Amino acid sequence: MLAANKSNLALLIDGDNVSSKIIDDLMAEIANYGTASVKRIYGDWTSPHLKGWKECLLSHSITPMQQFAYTTGKNATDGAMIIDAMDLLYTGRFSSFCIVSSDSDFTRLAARIREQGVNVYGFGSRLTNKAFVAACDKFMYYDAMNPEPEKSSAPSPHRPLDRAAIEGLARAVNGSPCDNENWVNLADVGDYLSKISPDLNHRNYGYQRLRAFVEASKIVDVKIKTIGDKAPITLVRLKGYNLSA
């Protein structure tokens, strides 16, 4: 088994479950995690509903994998993806897998890949089953990948921070290393958030920066600290939010 390159990714797309309209944003997002040396999309290419994908495969060097729909439903495509994923996993060449689907059938696959010490980045719609989301190291929703709001003069649409976001943030601050005045490095909070909930990241709530996300929660104080000629760091501290409330 070969040693995995730390930036070598395998990209597997469920063509039956994903619109081709996301491809540009998806590829830009995946570039943040490394280089996808394997890029495959699965589906029945005799079906007209995959026509949109045919027009963008060459430009992104994505290999179409044919799987006839022998039975009603999408199990044939899912099964082919799972088998290929396991074959790729056992080569030991990949540090991470990117699974693009909203289908909960990939929950066990994601968990199995992580058991091997390999990262799993999931991408799907907001209707994605929470079990699949939780099985990934990080999960990004399609509508959160589009960078256009940041370029626009209009403000980005922010999703209200729900109870899960507030409680997750409080746990992340509580669980991160702090100084004797309970100030925590914001970078540590971000790392902790991704560990306790793969989809609990600021971009999924419409924020381009983690600091803006935590400030919107209104449960933390924020300050900037500069030490010598080093770059300033952002520190946060809970205002007294009660997790049991």
Protein backbone atom coordinates (compact mmCIF):
# COMPACT_ATOMS: atom_id res chain seq x y z
CA MET A 1 0.00 0.00 0.00
CA LEU A 2 1.41 3.40 -1.00
CA ALA A 3 1.75 6.29 1.44
CA ALA A 4 -1.01 8.85 1.02
CA ASN A 5 -0.11 12.29 -0.28
CA LYS A 6 -1.46 14.81 2.23
CA SER A 7 -3.16 16.86 -0.49
CA ASN A 8 -4.31 14.02 -2.75
CA LEU A 9 -8.12 13.85 -2.99
CA ALA A 10 -10.64 11.48 -4.54
CA LEU A 11 -13.81 13.20 -5.77
CA LEU A 12 -16.91 11.02 -6.18
CA ILE A 13 -20.16 12.59 -7.41
CA ASP A 14 -23.61 11.00 -7.31
CA GLY A 15 -24.88 12.15 -10.70
CA ASP A 16 -28.40 10.90 -9.99
CA ASN A 17 -28.60 13.16 -6.96
CA VAL A 18 -26.71 16.31 -7.93
CA SER A 19 -27.39 19.15 -10.40
CA SER A 20 -24.61 20.16 -12.79
CA LYS A 21 -25.25 23.81 -11.87
CA ILE A 22 -23.05 23.47 -8.79
CA ILE A 23 -19.94 22.25 -10.61
CA ASP A 24 -17.97 25.52 -10.81
CA ASP A 25 -18.53 26.37 -7.15
CA LEU A 26 -17.85 22.77 -6.15
CA MET A 27 -14.49 22.58 -7.92
CA ALA A 28 -13.45 25.94 -6.48
CA GLU A 29 -14.34 24.73 -2.99
CA ILE A 30 -12.53 21.41 -3.35
CA ALA A 31 -9.37 23.24 -4.45
CA ASN A 32 -9.17 24.58 -0.87
CA TYR A 33 -8.58 21.05 0.43
CA GLY A 34 -6.03 19.77 -2.08
CA THR A 35 -5.76 18.33 -5.58
CA ALA A 36 -8.38 15.89 -6.81
CA SER A 37 -6.33 13.39 -8.80
CA VAL A 38 -9.40 11.17 -9.21
CA LYS A 39 -12.67 12.82 -10.29
CA ARG A 40 -15.59 10.56 -11.09
CA ILE A 41 -19.32 11.02 -11.52
CA TYR A 42 -21.74 8.08 -11.43
CA GLY A 43 -25.09 7.61 -13.13
CA ASP A 44 -27.00 6.12 -16.04
CA TRP A 45 -25.68 8.17 -18.96
CA THR A 46 -28.41 6.85 -21.23
CA SER A 47 -30.86 8.88 -19.14
CA PRO A 48 -31.79 12.39 -20.38
CA HIS A 49 -31.65 13.92 -16.90
CA LEU A 50 -27.82 13.74 -16.96
CA LYS A 51 -27.61 15.85 -20.12
CA GLY A 52 -26.51 18.92 -18.16
CA TRP A 53 -23.51 17.05 -16.81
CA LYS A 54 -22.32 15.91 -20.24
CA GLU A 55 -21.59 19.51 -21.21
CA CYS A 56 -19.18 20.20 -18.32
CA LEU A 57 -17.28 16.93 -17.84
CA LEU A 58 -14.46 17.74 -20.27
CA SER A 59 -13.85 21.25 -18.93
CA HIS A 60 -13.35 19.86 -15.42
CA SER A 61 -11.72 16.56 -16.46
CA ILE A 62 -14.36 14.48 -14.66
CA THR A 63 -14.67 10.83 -15.69
CA PRO A 64 -18.26 9.60 -16.22
CA MET A 65 -18.90 6.14 -14.77
CA GLN A 66 -21.78 4.26 -16.39
CA GLN A 67 -24.23 2.41 -14.18
CA PHE A 68 -27.45 1.20 -15.75
CA ALA A 69 -30.60 1.51 -13.65
CA TYR A 70 -31.39 -2.19 -13.48
CA THR A 71 -33.92 -1.66 -10.70
CA THR A 72 -36.27 1.08 -9.61
CA GLY A 73 -34.51 3.73 -7.55
CA LYS A 74 -30.89 4.80 -7.29
CA ASN A 75 -29.32 1.85 -5.49
CA ALA A 76 -27.30 0.74 -8.52
CA THR A 77 -25.46 4.05 -8.78
CA ASP A 78 -24.93 4.22 -5.03
CA GLY A 79 -23.55 0.69 -4.97
CA ALA A 80 -21.09 1.43 -7.78
CA MET A 81 -19.85 4.53 -5.96
CA ILE A 82 -19.38 2.63 -2.72
CA ILE A 83 -17.44 -0.20 -4.36
CA ASP A 84 -15.14 2.21 -6.19
CA ALA A 85 -14.62 4.26 -3.03
CA MET A 86 -13.47 1.20 -1.12
CA ASP A 87 -11.15 0.16 -3.95
CA LEU A 88 -9.60 3.65 -3.93
CA LEU A 89 -9.35 3.66 -0.14
CA TYR A 90 -7.35 0.43 -0.10
CA THR A 91 -4.74 1.88 -2.46
CA GLY A 92 -3.63 4.15 0.39
CA ARG A 93 -3.04 6.98 -2.07
CA PHE A 94 -5.61 9.44 -0.77
CA SER A 95 -5.60 11.67 2.29
CA SER A 96 -9.22 12.72 1.76
CA PHE A 97 -12.42 11.77 -0.05
CA CYS A 98 -14.99 14.27 -1.32
CA ILE A 99 -18.46 12.72 -1.54
CA VAL A 100 -21.02 14.83 -3.38
CA SER A 101 -24.57 13.67 -2.66
CA SER A 102 -27.55 14.32 -0.42
CA ASP A 103 -28.24 10.59 -0.15
CA SER A 104 -28.07 9.02 3.31
CA ASP A 105 -26.98 5.72 1.71
CA PHE A 106 -23.40 7.02 1.90
CA THR A 107 -23.46 7.37 5.69
CA ARG A 108 -21.73 4.07 6.40
CA LEU A 109 -19.23 4.64 3.59
CA ALA A 110 -18.16 7.96 5.09
CA ALA A 111 -17.80 6.39 8.53
CA ARG A 112 -15.76 3.48 7.14
CA ILE A 113 -13.36 5.77 5.29
CA ARG A 114 -12.79 7.79 8.46
CA GLU A 115 -12.09 4.59 10.40
CA GLN A 116 -9.12 4.21 8.07
CA GLY A 117 -7.77 7.59 9.19
CA VAL A 118 -8.79 9.34 5.96
CA ASN A 119 -10.76 12.60 5.91
CA VAL A 120 -14.23 12.81 4.37
CA TYR A 121 -15.62 16.09 3.05
CA GLY A 122 -19.31 15.93 2.23
CA PHE A 123 -21.29 18.22 -0.06
CA GLY A 124 -25.06 18.24 -0.36
CA SER A 125 -28.33 20.14 -0.13
CA ARG A 126 -29.84 21.36 3.12
CA LEU A 127 -32.23 18.41 2.96
CA THR A 128 -29.33 15.99 3.46
CA ASN A 129 -29.97 13.45 6.20
CA LYS A 130 -28.19 14.45 9.43
CA ALA A 131 -26.71 10.98 9.79
CA PHE A 132 -24.68 11.46 6.60
CA VAL A 133 -23.68 14.97 7.66
CA ALA A 134 -22.45 13.69 11.02
CA ALA A 135 -20.45 10.89 9.37
CA CYS A 136 -18.25 13.44 7.55
CA ASP A 137 -15.32 15.43 8.91
CA LYS A 138 -16.77 18.54 7.28
CA PHE A 139 -20.01 19.09 5.41
CA MET A 140 -20.67 22.01 3.08
CA TYR A 141 -24.11 22.89 1.72
CA TYR A 142 -24.35 23.74 -1.97
CA ASP A 143 -25.80 27.20 -1.43
CA ALA A 144 -22.96 28.11 0.96
CA MET A 145 -20.27 27.50 -1.66
CA ASN A 146 -21.24 30.35 -3.98
CA PRO A 147 -18.78 33.23 -3.51
CA GLU A 148 -20.91 35.77 -5.38
CA PRO A 149 -22.48 37.44 -2.30
CA GLU A 150 -18.99 38.44 -1.12
CA LYS A 151 -18.29 40.19 -4.44
CA SER A 152 -21.63 41.95 -4.53
CA SER A 153 -22.21 45.39 -3.04
CA ALA A 154 -25.33 44.02 -1.37
CA PRO A 155 -24.91 42.37 2.05
CA SER A 156 -24.72 38.58 2.17
CA PRO A 157 -27.93 36.81 3.23
CA HIS A 158 -27.32 35.51 6.74
CA ARG A 159 -29.26 32.59 8.14
CA PRO A 160 -30.48 33.09 11.71
CA LEU A 161 -28.31 31.27 14.22
CA ASP A 162 -30.50 28.47 15.56
CA ARG A 163 -30.22 26.79 18.94
CA ALA A 164 -27.84 24.17 17.53
CA ALA A 165 -25.46 26.89 16.35
CA ILE A 166 -25.59 28.80 19.64
CA GLU A 167 -25.08 25.70 21.77
CA GLY A 168 -22.35 24.40 19.49
CA LEU A 169 -20.49 27.69 19.69
CA ALA A 170 -20.78 27.75 23.48
CA ARG A 171 -19.39 24.22 23.71
CA ALA A 172 -16.56 25.10 21.35
CA VAL A 173 -15.54 28.10 23.46
CA ASN A 174 -15.82 26.06 26.66
CA GLY A 175 -13.82 23.20 25.18
CA SER A 176 -10.95 25.25 23.74
CA PRO A 177 -7.75 26.16 25.65
CA CYS A 178 -8.10 29.45 27.50
CA ASP A 179 -5.92 31.87 29.47
CA ASN A 180 -6.43 32.74 33.14
CA GLU A 181 -9.16 35.22 32.17
CA ASN A 182 -11.05 32.66 30.04
CA TRP A 183 -10.10 34.24 26.71
CA VAL A 184 -9.92 31.70 23.86
CA ASN A 185 -8.19 31.94 20.48
CA LEU A 186 -10.87 32.18 17.78
CA ALA A 187 -8.89 29.80 15.54
CA ASP A 188 -9.15 27.10 18.22
CA VAL A 189 -12.90 27.67 18.42
CA GLY A 190 -13.22 27.15 14.66
CA ASP A 191 -11.29 23.87 14.85
CA TYR A 192 -13.44 22.65 17.74
CA LEU A 193 -16.67 23.53 15.91
CA SER A 194 -15.74 21.37 12.93
CA LYS A 195 -15.08 18.43 15.24
CA ILE A 196 -18.39 18.53 17.13
CA SER A 197 -20.61 19.19 14.11
CA PRO A 198 -19.37 18.86 10.49
CA ASP A 199 -21.92 21.32 9.08
CA LEU A 200 -21.58 23.89 11.87
CA ASN A 201 -19.33 26.36 10.08
CA HIS A 202 -19.81 30.05 9.45
CA ARG A 203 -20.19 29.78 5.69
CA ASN A 204 -23.19 27.47 6.00
CA TYR A 205 -24.87 30.36 7.84
CA GLY A 206 -23.96 32.92 5.19
CA TYR A 207 -20.95 34.48 6.94
CA GLN A 208 -17.69 34.87 5.05
CA ARG A 209 -15.68 35.24 8.27
CA LEU A 210 -15.77 33.23 11.50
CA ARG A 211 -15.50 36.40 13.59
CA ALA A 212 -18.72 37.82 12.11
CA PHE A 213 -20.44 34.52 12.85
CA VAL A 214 -19.47 34.45 16.53
CA GLU A 215 -20.30 38.14 16.97
CA ALA A 216 -23.78 37.50 15.56
CA SER A 217 -24.37 34.91 18.27
CA LYS A 218 -24.26 37.67 20.92
CA ILE A 219 -23.01 35.16 23.50
CA VAL A 220 -19.32 36.10 23.35
CA ASP A 221 -17.11 39.11 23.90
CA VAL A 222 -14.45 39.68 21.25
CA LYS A 223 -11.07 41.40 21.48
CA ILE A 224 -7.95 41.70 19.36
CA LYS A 225 -4.56 40.99 20.95
CA THR A 226 -1.18 41.92 19.51
CA ILE A 227 2.09 40.52 20.86
CA GLY A 228 5.22 42.29 19.63
CA ASP A 229 5.51 42.35 15.85
CA LYS A 230 3.39 39.22 15.38
CA ALA A 231 0.09 39.28 13.53
CA PRO A 232 -2.84 40.18 15.81
CA ILE A 233 -5.05 37.35 17.02
CA THR A 234 -8.76 37.37 17.77
CA LEU A 235 -9.84 36.20 21.21
CA VAL A 236 -13.36 35.39 22.41
CA ARG A 237 -14.92 34.78 25.81
CA LEU A 238 -18.41 33.66 26.80
CA LYS A 239 -20.62 36.33 28.30
CA GLY A 240 -22.16 33.81 30.67
CA TYR A 241 -24.31 31.77 28.30
CA ASN A 242 -25.88 28.83 30.11
CA LEU A 243 -25.91 25.61 28.08
CA SER A 244 -28.69 24.18 30.24
CA ALA A 245 -31.02 27.13 29.62
